[in-house]
N, C-alpha and C. Protein backbone atom coordinates (compact mmCIF):
# COMPACT_ATOMS: atom_id res chain seq x y z
N UNK A 1 6.68 34.14 5.63
CA UNK A 1 6.12 32.82 5.35
C UNK A 1 4.63 32.84 5.64
N UNK A 2 3.82 32.21 4.80
CA UNK A 2 2.39 32.20 5.04
C UNK A 2 1.81 30.90 4.56
N UNK A 3 0.77 30.44 5.24
CA UNK A 3 0.11 29.20 4.85
C UNK A 3 -1.02 29.52 3.89
N UNK A 4 -1.16 28.68 2.88
CA UNK A 4 -2.17 28.89 1.86
C UNK A 4 -3.09 27.69 1.82
N UNK A 5 -4.40 27.93 1.80
CA UNK A 5 -5.37 26.84 1.77
C UNK A 5 -5.41 26.20 0.40
N UNK A 6 -5.90 24.98 0.35
CA UNK A 6 -6.03 24.24 -0.90
C UNK A 6 -6.98 24.95 -1.84
N UNK A 7 -6.58 25.07 -3.10
CA UNK A 7 -7.39 25.70 -4.12
C UNK A 7 -7.87 24.66 -5.12
N UNK A 8 -9.00 24.95 -5.77
CA UNK A 8 -9.46 24.07 -6.85
C UNK A 8 -8.50 24.20 -8.02
N UNK A 9 -8.17 23.10 -8.65
CA UNK A 9 -7.26 23.12 -9.78
C UNK A 9 -7.83 22.30 -10.93
N UNK A 10 -7.45 22.60 -12.17
CA UNK A 10 -7.98 21.88 -13.32
C UNK A 10 -7.59 20.41 -13.32
N UNK A 11 -6.50 20.06 -12.62
CA UNK A 11 -5.98 18.70 -12.71
C UNK A 11 -6.61 17.72 -11.73
N UNK A 12 -7.45 18.22 -10.83
CA UNK A 12 -7.94 17.35 -9.77
C UNK A 12 -8.83 16.26 -10.33
N UNK A 13 -10.09 16.50 -10.37
CA UNK A 13 -11.01 15.62 -11.09
C UNK A 13 -11.29 14.28 -10.47
N UNK A 14 -10.70 13.93 -9.31
CA UNK A 14 -10.91 12.59 -8.77
C UNK A 14 -11.69 12.60 -7.47
N UNK A 15 -11.82 13.76 -6.84
CA UNK A 15 -12.51 13.83 -5.57
C UNK A 15 -11.64 13.45 -4.40
N UNK A 16 -10.41 12.95 -4.65
CA UNK A 16 -9.52 12.52 -3.57
C UNK A 16 -8.96 13.69 -2.77
N UNK A 17 -8.98 14.89 -3.30
CA UNK A 17 -8.37 16.03 -2.65
C UNK A 17 -9.37 16.85 -1.83
N UNK A 18 -10.62 16.43 -1.78
CA UNK A 18 -11.65 17.24 -1.17
C UNK A 18 -11.40 17.49 0.31
N UNK A 19 -10.91 16.50 1.04
CA UNK A 19 -10.75 16.61 2.48
C UNK A 19 -9.29 16.57 2.91
N UNK A 20 -8.40 17.09 2.09
CA UNK A 20 -6.99 17.06 2.42
C UNK A 20 -6.68 17.98 3.60
N UNK A 21 -5.83 17.52 4.50
CA UNK A 21 -5.33 18.33 5.60
C UNK A 21 -3.92 18.78 5.25
N UNK A 22 -3.78 20.05 4.91
CA UNK A 22 -2.47 20.58 4.49
C UNK A 22 -1.88 21.53 5.53
N UNK A 23 -2.20 21.28 6.80
CA UNK A 23 -1.64 22.13 7.85
C UNK A 23 -0.12 21.99 7.93
N UNK A 24 0.42 20.90 7.44
CA UNK A 24 1.87 20.70 7.46
C UNK A 24 2.60 21.55 6.44
N UNK A 25 1.85 22.08 5.46
CA UNK A 25 2.46 22.77 4.32
C UNK A 25 2.58 24.27 4.59
N UNK A 26 3.79 24.78 4.53
CA UNK A 26 4.05 26.21 4.69
C UNK A 26 4.59 26.76 3.37
N UNK A 27 3.90 27.75 2.83
CA UNK A 27 4.27 28.31 1.53
C UNK A 27 4.89 29.69 1.69
N UNK A 28 5.76 30.04 0.76
CA UNK A 28 6.35 31.36 0.72
C UNK A 28 5.31 32.38 0.22
N UNK A 29 5.58 33.65 0.48
CA UNK A 29 4.71 34.70 -0.04
C UNK A 29 4.69 34.64 -1.57
N UNK A 30 3.51 34.68 -2.13
CA UNK A 30 3.37 34.62 -3.59
C UNK A 30 3.31 33.21 -4.14
N UNK A 31 3.49 32.21 -3.29
CA UNK A 31 3.44 30.81 -3.74
C UNK A 31 2.01 30.29 -3.60
N UNK A 32 1.50 29.64 -4.62
CA UNK A 32 0.11 29.15 -4.61
C UNK A 32 0.05 27.70 -5.07
N UNK A 33 -0.93 26.98 -4.57
CA UNK A 33 -1.11 25.57 -4.88
C UNK A 33 -1.78 25.41 -6.24
N UNK A 34 -1.16 24.60 -7.09
CA UNK A 34 -1.72 24.30 -8.41
C UNK A 34 -2.46 22.96 -8.42
N UNK A 35 -2.02 22.03 -7.59
CA UNK A 35 -2.61 20.68 -7.53
C UNK A 35 -2.20 20.03 -6.23
N UNK A 36 -3.09 19.23 -5.66
CA UNK A 36 -2.76 18.48 -4.44
C UNK A 36 -3.61 17.23 -4.38
N UNK A 37 -3.05 16.16 -3.81
CA UNK A 37 -3.79 14.90 -3.78
C UNK A 37 -3.16 13.93 -2.79
N UNK A 38 -3.98 12.99 -2.34
CA UNK A 38 -3.49 11.77 -1.71
C UNK A 38 -3.29 10.75 -2.83
N UNK A 39 -2.74 9.58 -2.52
CA UNK A 39 -2.80 8.49 -3.52
C UNK A 39 -4.26 8.20 -3.88
N UNK A 40 -4.46 7.66 -5.06
CA UNK A 40 -5.81 7.32 -5.51
C UNK A 40 -6.41 6.24 -4.59
N UNK A 41 -7.70 6.38 -4.28
CA UNK A 41 -8.34 5.43 -3.37
C UNK A 41 -8.32 4.00 -3.91
N UNK A 42 -8.33 3.85 -5.23
CA UNK A 42 -8.30 2.50 -5.81
C UNK A 42 -6.93 1.84 -5.69
N UNK A 43 -5.91 2.62 -5.29
CA UNK A 43 -4.60 2.00 -5.08
C UNK A 43 -4.62 1.11 -3.83
N UNK A 44 -5.69 1.20 -3.02
CA UNK A 44 -5.85 0.33 -1.85
C UNK A 44 -6.38 -1.05 -2.22
N UNK A 45 -6.87 -1.21 -3.45
CA UNK A 45 -7.50 -2.47 -3.86
C UNK A 45 -6.58 -3.68 -3.64
N UNK A 46 -5.30 -3.64 -4.09
CA UNK A 46 -4.45 -4.82 -3.88
C UNK A 46 -4.32 -5.21 -2.40
N UNK A 47 -4.18 -4.22 -1.51
CA UNK A 47 -4.06 -4.52 -0.07
C UNK A 47 -5.35 -5.14 0.46
N UNK A 48 -6.49 -4.65 -0.01
CA UNK A 48 -7.77 -5.20 0.44
C UNK A 48 -7.97 -6.62 -0.09
N UNK A 49 -7.58 -6.83 -1.35
CA UNK A 49 -7.75 -8.16 -1.95
C UNK A 49 -6.93 -9.20 -1.19
N UNK A 50 -5.73 -8.81 -0.77
CA UNK A 50 -4.87 -9.74 -0.03
C UNK A 50 -5.27 -9.79 1.45
N UNK A 51 -5.53 -8.63 2.03
CA UNK A 51 -5.71 -8.56 3.47
C UNK A 51 -7.04 -9.05 3.99
N UNK A 52 -8.13 -8.76 3.27
CA UNK A 52 -9.45 -9.13 3.78
C UNK A 52 -9.62 -10.64 3.93
N UNK A 53 -9.26 -11.45 2.94
CA UNK A 53 -9.38 -12.91 3.16
C UNK A 53 -8.53 -13.41 4.33
N UNK A 54 -7.37 -12.80 4.53
CA UNK A 54 -6.49 -13.23 5.61
C UNK A 54 -6.90 -12.68 6.97
N UNK A 55 -7.85 -11.74 6.97
CA UNK A 55 -8.26 -11.14 8.25
C UNK A 55 -8.97 -12.15 9.14
N UNK A 56 -9.49 -13.23 8.56
CA UNK A 56 -10.14 -14.27 9.36
C UNK A 56 -9.13 -14.84 10.37
N UNK A 57 -7.88 -14.96 9.92
CA UNK A 57 -6.83 -15.47 10.79
C UNK A 57 -6.05 -14.34 11.46
N UNK A 58 -6.59 -13.11 11.36
CA UNK A 58 -6.00 -11.91 11.95
C UNK A 58 -4.69 -11.49 11.29
N UNK A 59 -4.25 -12.25 10.31
CA UNK A 59 -3.00 -11.91 9.62
C UNK A 59 -3.21 -10.74 8.68
N UNK A 60 -4.38 -10.66 8.08
CA UNK A 60 -4.62 -9.63 7.08
C UNK A 60 -4.96 -8.27 7.65
N UNK A 61 -5.33 -8.20 8.95
CA UNK A 61 -5.72 -6.92 9.53
C UNK A 61 -4.59 -5.89 9.48
N UNK A 62 -3.36 -6.25 9.87
CA UNK A 62 -2.26 -5.27 9.76
C UNK A 62 -2.02 -4.80 8.33
N UNK A 63 -2.23 -5.68 7.37
CA UNK A 63 -2.03 -5.31 5.96
C UNK A 63 -3.02 -4.23 5.55
N UNK A 64 -4.31 -4.45 5.89
CA UNK A 64 -5.35 -3.50 5.51
C UNK A 64 -5.18 -2.18 6.26
N UNK A 65 -4.96 -2.26 7.56
CA UNK A 65 -4.82 -1.05 8.37
C UNK A 65 -3.60 -0.25 7.96
N UNK A 66 -2.46 -0.94 7.72
CA UNK A 66 -1.25 -0.26 7.30
C UNK A 66 -1.41 0.46 5.97
N UNK A 67 -2.06 -0.20 5.01
CA UNK A 67 -2.29 0.41 3.70
C UNK A 67 -3.20 1.63 3.82
N UNK A 68 -4.22 1.53 4.66
CA UNK A 68 -5.16 2.65 4.82
C UNK A 68 -4.46 3.84 5.50
N UNK A 69 -3.68 3.59 6.54
CA UNK A 69 -2.98 4.67 7.23
C UNK A 69 -1.95 5.34 6.31
N UNK A 70 -1.30 4.54 5.49
CA UNK A 70 -0.35 5.12 4.55
C UNK A 70 -1.07 5.99 3.52
N UNK A 71 -2.23 5.55 3.10
CA UNK A 71 -3.04 6.31 2.13
C UNK A 71 -3.47 7.65 2.73
N UNK A 72 -3.98 7.65 3.95
CA UNK A 72 -4.50 8.88 4.56
C UNK A 72 -3.39 9.83 5.01
N UNK A 73 -2.18 9.32 5.21
CA UNK A 73 -1.10 10.16 5.71
C UNK A 73 -0.08 10.53 4.64
N UNK A 74 -0.44 10.32 3.39
CA UNK A 74 0.43 10.70 2.27
C UNK A 74 -0.22 11.81 1.47
N UNK A 75 0.49 12.90 1.30
CA UNK A 75 0.00 14.04 0.49
C UNK A 75 1.05 14.44 -0.53
N UNK A 76 0.60 14.82 -1.70
CA UNK A 76 1.48 15.37 -2.73
C UNK A 76 0.92 16.72 -3.16
N UNK A 77 1.80 17.70 -3.33
CA UNK A 77 1.38 19.05 -3.67
C UNK A 77 2.28 19.61 -4.77
N UNK A 78 1.67 20.26 -5.75
CA UNK A 78 2.40 21.01 -6.77
C UNK A 78 2.00 22.48 -6.63
N UNK A 79 2.98 23.35 -6.44
CA UNK A 79 2.71 24.78 -6.38
C UNK A 79 3.29 25.44 -7.63
N UNK A 80 3.24 26.75 -7.67
CA UNK A 80 3.82 27.47 -8.80
C UNK A 80 5.34 27.62 -8.66
N UNK A 81 5.90 27.03 -7.60
CA UNK A 81 7.35 27.13 -7.40
C UNK A 81 8.04 25.78 -7.22
N UNK A 82 7.29 24.74 -6.89
CA UNK A 82 7.95 23.46 -6.69
C UNK A 82 7.00 22.35 -6.28
N UNK A 83 7.59 21.23 -5.85
CA UNK A 83 6.85 20.03 -5.50
C UNK A 83 7.06 19.70 -4.03
N UNK A 84 6.01 19.17 -3.41
CA UNK A 84 6.08 18.77 -2.01
C UNK A 84 5.51 17.36 -1.86
N UNK A 85 6.15 16.60 -0.98
CA UNK A 85 5.68 15.26 -0.65
C UNK A 85 5.71 15.09 0.86
N UNK A 86 4.58 14.63 1.43
CA UNK A 86 4.52 14.37 2.86
C UNK A 86 4.09 12.93 3.07
N UNK A 87 4.94 12.17 3.79
CA UNK A 87 4.65 10.77 4.07
C UNK A 87 4.91 10.50 5.54
N UNK A 88 4.43 9.35 6.00
CA UNK A 88 4.72 8.96 7.37
C UNK A 88 3.45 8.81 8.20
N UNK A 89 3.43 7.76 9.03
CA UNK A 89 2.28 7.48 9.89
C UNK A 89 2.56 7.97 11.32
N UNK A 90 3.61 7.46 11.93
CA UNK A 90 3.97 7.89 13.28
C UNK A 90 4.88 9.12 13.24
N UNK A 91 5.71 9.22 12.22
CA UNK A 91 6.57 10.38 12.02
C UNK A 91 6.18 11.07 10.72
N UNK A 92 6.76 12.22 10.47
CA UNK A 92 6.42 12.99 9.28
C UNK A 92 7.67 13.23 8.46
N UNK A 93 7.63 12.84 7.19
CA UNK A 93 8.75 13.04 6.27
C UNK A 93 8.28 13.94 5.14
N UNK A 94 8.77 15.18 5.12
CA UNK A 94 8.38 16.15 4.09
C UNK A 94 9.56 16.40 3.18
N UNK A 95 9.33 16.31 1.88
CA UNK A 95 10.37 16.54 0.88
C UNK A 95 9.90 17.63 -0.07
N UNK A 96 10.81 18.53 -0.44
CA UNK A 96 10.47 19.63 -1.34
C UNK A 96 11.55 19.76 -2.40
N UNK A 97 11.12 19.99 -3.65
CA UNK A 97 12.03 20.22 -4.77
C UNK A 97 11.55 21.43 -5.55
N UNK A 98 12.41 22.41 -5.73
CA UNK A 98 12.07 23.58 -6.53
C UNK A 98 12.13 23.28 -8.01
N UNK A 99 11.31 23.99 -8.79
CA UNK A 99 11.29 23.74 -10.24
C UNK A 99 12.62 24.08 -10.89
N UNK A 100 13.42 24.96 -10.28
CA UNK A 100 14.71 25.31 -10.87
C UNK A 100 15.69 24.15 -10.82
N UNK A 101 15.38 23.13 -10.01
CA UNK A 101 16.27 21.96 -9.90
C UNK A 101 15.78 20.76 -10.71
N UNK A 102 14.55 20.80 -11.21
CA UNK A 102 13.97 19.66 -11.90
C UNK A 102 14.61 19.48 -13.27
N UNK A 103 15.07 18.26 -13.53
CA UNK A 103 15.73 17.95 -14.79
C UNK A 103 14.86 17.09 -15.71
N UNK A 104 14.13 16.14 -15.12
CA UNK A 104 13.35 15.21 -15.94
C UNK A 104 12.11 14.77 -15.17
N UNK A 105 10.98 14.64 -15.91
CA UNK A 105 9.72 14.17 -15.32
C UNK A 105 9.15 13.07 -16.21
N UNK A 106 8.75 11.97 -15.60
CA UNK A 106 8.14 10.88 -16.35
C UNK A 106 7.03 10.26 -15.50
N UNK A 107 6.12 9.55 -16.16
CA UNK A 107 5.07 8.87 -15.42
C UNK A 107 4.93 7.43 -15.90
N UNK A 108 4.38 6.60 -15.03
CA UNK A 108 4.20 5.18 -15.36
C UNK A 108 2.90 4.68 -14.75
N UNK A 109 2.31 3.67 -15.38
CA UNK A 109 1.09 3.05 -14.89
C UNK A 109 1.19 1.53 -15.05
N UNK A 110 0.80 0.82 -14.03
CA UNK A 110 0.69 -0.63 -14.15
C UNK A 110 -0.62 -0.95 -14.85
N UNK A 111 -0.84 -2.23 -15.12
CA UNK A 111 -2.10 -2.64 -15.75
C UNK A 111 -3.29 -2.29 -14.86
N UNK A 112 -3.15 -2.53 -13.56
CA UNK A 112 -4.22 -2.18 -12.63
C UNK A 112 -4.39 -0.68 -12.53
N UNK A 113 -3.28 0.05 -12.53
CA UNK A 113 -3.35 1.51 -12.48
C UNK A 113 -4.02 2.09 -13.72
N UNK A 114 -3.72 1.52 -14.87
CA UNK A 114 -4.37 1.99 -16.11
C UNK A 114 -5.87 1.75 -16.07
N UNK A 115 -6.27 0.61 -15.50
CA UNK A 115 -7.69 0.27 -15.43
C UNK A 115 -8.44 1.20 -14.48
N UNK A 116 -7.81 1.59 -13.38
CA UNK A 116 -8.48 2.41 -12.37
C UNK A 116 -8.09 3.88 -12.41
N UNK A 117 -7.19 4.27 -13.30
CA UNK A 117 -6.88 5.69 -13.48
C UNK A 117 -5.86 6.25 -12.53
N UNK A 118 -4.87 5.46 -12.11
CA UNK A 118 -3.82 6.01 -11.26
C UNK A 118 -2.46 5.50 -11.72
N UNK A 119 -1.42 6.17 -11.26
CA UNK A 119 -0.05 5.80 -11.63
C UNK A 119 0.93 6.64 -10.84
N UNK A 120 2.19 6.60 -11.22
CA UNK A 120 3.23 7.31 -10.48
C UNK A 120 3.97 8.28 -11.39
N UNK A 121 4.42 9.39 -10.81
CA UNK A 121 5.22 10.38 -11.52
C UNK A 121 6.59 10.43 -10.86
N UNK A 122 7.65 10.26 -11.66
CA UNK A 122 9.03 10.28 -11.17
C UNK A 122 9.68 11.60 -11.54
N UNK A 123 10.34 12.21 -10.58
CA UNK A 123 11.00 13.50 -10.79
C UNK A 123 12.48 13.36 -10.50
N UNK A 124 13.31 13.71 -11.47
CA UNK A 124 14.77 13.70 -11.31
C UNK A 124 15.28 15.13 -11.31
N UNK A 125 16.38 15.37 -10.59
CA UNK A 125 16.94 16.71 -10.50
C UNK A 125 18.30 16.78 -11.14
N UNK A 126 18.71 17.99 -11.50
CA UNK A 126 20.03 18.20 -12.07
C UNK A 126 21.09 17.88 -11.03
N UNK A 127 22.03 17.03 -11.38
CA UNK A 127 23.09 16.65 -10.46
C UNK A 127 22.71 15.56 -9.49
N UNK A 128 21.44 15.14 -9.51
CA UNK A 128 20.99 14.08 -8.62
C UNK A 128 21.28 12.71 -9.21
N UNK A 129 21.15 11.70 -8.37
CA UNK A 129 21.36 10.34 -8.84
C UNK A 129 20.03 9.61 -8.86
N UNK A 130 19.47 9.44 -10.04
CA UNK A 130 18.20 8.74 -10.18
C UNK A 130 17.01 9.61 -9.80
N UNK A 131 15.92 8.96 -9.42
CA UNK A 131 14.68 9.65 -9.08
C UNK A 131 14.79 10.25 -7.68
N UNK A 132 14.59 11.56 -7.58
CA UNK A 132 14.68 12.25 -6.31
C UNK A 132 13.34 12.29 -5.58
N UNK A 133 12.25 12.34 -6.35
CA UNK A 133 10.92 12.41 -5.75
C UNK A 133 9.96 11.58 -6.58
N UNK A 134 9.16 10.75 -5.92
CA UNK A 134 8.21 9.88 -6.61
C UNK A 134 6.82 10.13 -6.05
N UNK A 135 5.92 10.56 -6.91
CA UNK A 135 4.51 10.73 -6.54
C UNK A 135 3.82 9.42 -6.86
N UNK A 136 3.55 8.61 -5.84
CA UNK A 136 3.10 7.24 -6.03
C UNK A 136 1.58 7.14 -6.08
N UNK A 137 1.10 6.36 -7.04
CA UNK A 137 -0.33 5.97 -7.11
C UNK A 137 -1.27 7.17 -7.10
N UNK A 138 -0.91 8.23 -7.82
CA UNK A 138 -1.75 9.44 -7.84
C UNK A 138 -2.77 9.36 -8.98
N UNK A 139 -3.90 10.07 -8.84
CA UNK A 139 -4.89 10.09 -9.92
C UNK A 139 -4.34 10.80 -11.16
N UNK A 140 -4.66 10.29 -12.33
CA UNK A 140 -4.35 10.91 -13.61
C UNK A 140 -2.89 11.38 -13.70
N UNK A 141 -1.95 10.48 -13.64
CA UNK A 141 -0.53 10.87 -13.61
C UNK A 141 -0.07 11.62 -14.86
N UNK A 142 -0.69 11.33 -16.01
CA UNK A 142 -0.28 12.03 -17.24
C UNK A 142 -0.54 13.53 -17.13
N UNK A 143 -1.70 13.90 -16.58
CA UNK A 143 -2.03 15.32 -16.43
C UNK A 143 -1.11 16.00 -15.41
N UNK A 144 -0.77 15.28 -14.35
CA UNK A 144 0.13 15.84 -13.34
C UNK A 144 1.52 16.04 -13.93
N UNK A 145 1.97 15.07 -14.72
CA UNK A 145 3.27 15.21 -15.38
C UNK A 145 3.29 16.42 -16.30
N UNK A 146 2.21 16.64 -17.04
CA UNK A 146 2.11 17.79 -17.93
C UNK A 146 2.11 19.09 -17.14
N UNK A 147 1.41 19.10 -16.01
CA UNK A 147 1.36 20.30 -15.16
C UNK A 147 2.75 20.65 -14.65
N UNK A 148 3.48 19.65 -14.17
CA UNK A 148 4.83 19.89 -13.65
C UNK A 148 5.75 20.39 -14.77
N UNK A 149 5.67 19.75 -15.94
CA UNK A 149 6.51 20.16 -17.07
C UNK A 149 6.22 21.60 -17.47
N UNK A 150 4.95 21.97 -17.46
CA UNK A 150 4.56 23.34 -17.82
C UNK A 150 5.11 24.35 -16.79
N UNK A 151 5.01 24.00 -15.51
CA UNK A 151 5.52 24.90 -14.47
C UNK A 151 7.05 25.03 -14.57
N UNK A 152 7.73 23.92 -14.87
CA UNK A 152 9.19 23.96 -15.03
C UNK A 152 9.57 24.86 -16.21
N UNK A 153 8.86 24.71 -17.33
CA UNK A 153 9.14 25.54 -18.51
C UNK A 153 8.91 27.01 -18.21
N UNK A 154 7.81 27.32 -17.51
CA UNK A 154 7.52 28.71 -17.16
C UNK A 154 8.61 29.29 -16.27
N UNK A 155 9.06 28.48 -15.33
CA UNK A 155 10.11 28.93 -14.41
C UNK A 155 11.41 29.20 -15.16
N UNK A 156 11.77 28.30 -16.08
CA UNK A 156 13.00 28.47 -16.84
C UNK A 156 12.91 29.68 -17.77
N UNK A 157 11.74 29.87 -18.38
CA UNK A 157 11.55 31.01 -19.27
C UNK A 157 11.67 32.32 -18.49
N UNK A 158 11.09 32.34 -17.30
CA UNK A 158 11.17 33.52 -16.46
C UNK A 158 12.62 33.80 -16.07
N UNK A 159 13.36 32.73 -15.74
CA UNK A 159 14.76 32.89 -15.37
C UNK A 159 15.60 33.40 -16.53
N UNK A 160 15.35 32.88 -17.74
CA UNK A 160 16.08 33.34 -18.92
C UNK A 160 15.78 34.80 -19.23
N UNK A 161 14.50 35.18 -19.03
CA UNK A 161 14.12 36.57 -19.28
C UNK A 161 14.81 37.51 -18.30
N UNK A 162 14.89 37.10 -17.03
CA UNK A 162 15.58 37.92 -16.03
C UNK A 162 17.06 38.03 -16.35
N UNK A 163 17.66 36.90 -16.81
CA UNK A 163 19.07 36.91 -17.16
C UNK A 163 19.32 37.84 -18.35
N UNK A 164 18.40 37.81 -19.33
CA UNK A 164 18.53 38.69 -20.48
C UNK A 164 18.42 40.15 -20.10
N UNK A 165 17.48 40.46 -19.19
CA UNK A 165 17.33 41.84 -18.73
C UNK A 165 18.58 42.30 -17.99
N UNK A 166 19.17 41.38 -17.22
CA UNK A 166 20.39 41.72 -16.50
C UNK A 166 21.54 42.01 -17.45
N UNK A 167 21.65 41.22 -18.52
CA UNK A 167 22.70 41.44 -19.51
C UNK A 167 22.50 42.78 -20.22
N UNK A 168 21.24 43.12 -20.53
CA UNK A 168 20.95 44.40 -21.17
C UNK A 168 21.36 45.56 -20.26
N UNK A 169 21.10 45.42 -18.97
CA UNK A 169 21.47 46.49 -18.03
C UNK A 169 22.98 46.68 -18.00
N UNK A 170 23.73 45.57 -18.04
CA UNK A 170 25.19 45.67 -18.04
C UNK A 170 25.68 46.35 -19.31
N UNK A 171 25.11 45.98 -20.45
CA UNK A 171 25.51 46.60 -21.72
C UNK A 171 25.21 48.10 -21.73
N UNK A 172 24.04 48.47 -21.20
CA UNK A 172 23.69 49.89 -21.13
C UNK A 172 24.67 50.67 -20.27
N UNK A 173 25.08 50.04 -19.16
CA UNK A 173 26.03 50.71 -18.27
C UNK A 173 27.39 50.88 -18.95
N UNK A 174 27.82 49.83 -19.69
CA UNK A 174 29.10 49.92 -20.41
C UNK A 174 29.05 51.02 -21.46
N UNK A 175 27.94 51.08 -22.23
CA UNK A 175 27.81 52.11 -23.26
C UNK A 175 27.82 53.50 -22.65
N UNK A 176 27.16 53.63 -21.51
CA UNK A 176 27.14 54.93 -20.83
C UNK A 176 28.55 55.36 -20.43
N UNK A 177 29.34 54.43 -19.91
CA UNK A 177 30.72 54.73 -19.52
C UNK A 177 31.57 55.09 -20.74
N UNK A 178 31.37 54.34 -21.83
CA UNK A 178 32.14 54.62 -23.05
C UNK A 178 31.82 56.01 -23.60
N UNK A 179 30.54 56.40 -23.57
CA UNK A 179 30.16 57.74 -24.04
C UNK A 179 30.79 58.82 -23.17
N UNK A 180 30.82 58.58 -21.86
CA UNK A 180 31.42 59.55 -20.95
C UNK A 180 32.91 59.70 -21.23
N UNK A 181 33.60 58.57 -21.46
CA UNK A 181 35.04 58.62 -21.78
C UNK A 181 35.26 59.35 -23.10
N UNK A 182 34.39 59.06 -24.08
CA UNK A 182 34.51 59.71 -25.39
C UNK A 182 34.36 61.23 -25.25
N UNK A 183 33.41 61.68 -24.43
CA UNK A 183 33.21 63.12 -24.25
C UNK A 183 34.42 63.75 -23.57
N UNK A 184 35.00 63.06 -22.58
CA UNK A 184 36.18 63.58 -21.90
C UNK A 184 37.36 63.71 -22.85
N UNK A 185 37.56 62.70 -23.70
CA UNK A 185 38.65 62.76 -24.68
C UNK A 185 38.43 63.88 -25.68
N UNK A 186 37.18 64.07 -26.13
CA UNK A 186 36.88 65.13 -27.09
C UNK A 186 37.14 66.50 -26.47
N UNK A 187 36.73 66.68 -25.21
CA UNK A 187 36.97 67.96 -24.53
C UNK A 187 38.45 68.21 -24.35
N UNK A 188 39.22 67.15 -24.05
CA UNK A 188 40.66 67.28 -23.87
C UNK A 188 41.34 67.69 -25.17
N UNK A 189 40.91 67.10 -26.31
CA UNK A 189 41.49 67.45 -27.61
C UNK A 189 41.18 68.90 -27.95
N UNK A 190 39.96 69.37 -27.65
CA UNK A 190 39.60 70.76 -27.94
C UNK A 190 40.45 71.72 -27.13
N UNK A 191 40.72 71.40 -25.89
CA UNK A 191 41.56 72.27 -25.06
C UNK A 191 42.97 72.32 -25.59
N UNK A 192 43.50 71.15 -26.04
CA UNK A 192 44.86 71.10 -26.57
C UNK A 192 44.99 71.95 -27.82
N UNK A 193 44.00 71.87 -28.71
CA UNK A 193 44.02 72.66 -29.95
C UNK A 193 43.95 74.14 -29.64
N UNK A 194 43.12 74.51 -28.68
CA UNK A 194 42.97 75.92 -28.32
C UNK A 194 44.26 76.47 -27.74
N UNK A 195 44.94 75.72 -26.89
CA UNK A 195 46.19 76.18 -26.29
C UNK A 195 47.30 76.24 -27.33
N UNK A 196 47.28 75.38 -28.34
CA UNK A 196 48.33 75.34 -29.35
C UNK A 196 48.30 76.53 -30.28
N UNK A 197 47.18 77.25 -30.39
CA UNK A 197 47.07 78.38 -31.30
C UNK A 197 47.26 79.71 -30.60
N UNK A 198 47.65 79.75 -29.35
CA UNK A 198 47.88 81.00 -28.64
C UNK A 198 49.18 80.94 -27.86
N UNK A 199 49.87 82.08 -27.81
CA UNK A 199 51.10 82.19 -27.03
C UNK A 199 50.73 82.49 -25.60
N UNK A 200 51.76 82.61 -24.74
CA UNK A 200 51.51 82.87 -23.33
C UNK A 200 50.88 84.22 -23.09
N UNK A 201 51.18 85.23 -24.01
CA UNK A 201 50.61 86.54 -23.80
C UNK A 201 49.27 86.72 -24.46
N UNK A 202 48.73 85.62 -25.02
CA UNK A 202 47.39 85.67 -25.59
C UNK A 202 47.37 85.94 -27.06
N UNK A 203 48.52 86.18 -27.72
CA UNK A 203 48.54 86.41 -29.16
C UNK A 203 48.62 85.08 -29.86
N UNK A 204 48.13 85.00 -31.09
CA UNK A 204 48.20 83.73 -31.85
C UNK A 204 49.65 83.27 -31.96
N UNK A 205 49.86 81.98 -31.89
CA UNK A 205 51.21 81.41 -31.86
C UNK A 205 51.94 81.56 -33.17
N UNK A 206 51.26 81.85 -34.31
CA UNK A 206 51.95 82.00 -35.59
C UNK A 206 52.39 83.42 -35.86
N UNK A 207 52.13 84.32 -34.91
CA UNK A 207 52.59 85.70 -35.07
C UNK A 207 53.82 85.89 -34.21
N UNK A 208 54.97 86.12 -34.76
CA UNK A 208 56.23 86.25 -34.05
C UNK A 208 56.61 87.71 -33.95
């Protein structure tokens, strides 16, 4: 197991990932980060709009502080092998889904999200009930959805290729065994023919 630092990715583009702390993330050997982000900073706008006016009466302060802490303590990561989600302020909740389990990916944007460039990506798994992982309020959700779909397709193609190679190996082994059996039968027939044309004293069997 080895930890891998955040890498620049084509999908970033928002500046939200510049100061990410990914010390919680442990990657397998050969696993690399393709994209990582917190929720989009503009996703805090609704909490600020509601909380700041109410802060005069101290009611809005918990709203603003809670939204900010949730923003800073939420990370989403896409690697070349799967998806990771880390949430939690006082505790830490980490969820991981491998691409081999992903069944469906979709994204959605509210009117405010469309205006400010953020939305959510929903990931469903084979055999799961509903959405198993939700990347909430992330920058450019359409690009992230495309990235995940591409990684899933690459993973499935690689798996099919390995399965095909395995089937070819089995067929080669069967053919090898059949050739060996064929040679043994041919040698046995030759010995039978040779013995049938000679008597016990070595003279041809048709000479009496």
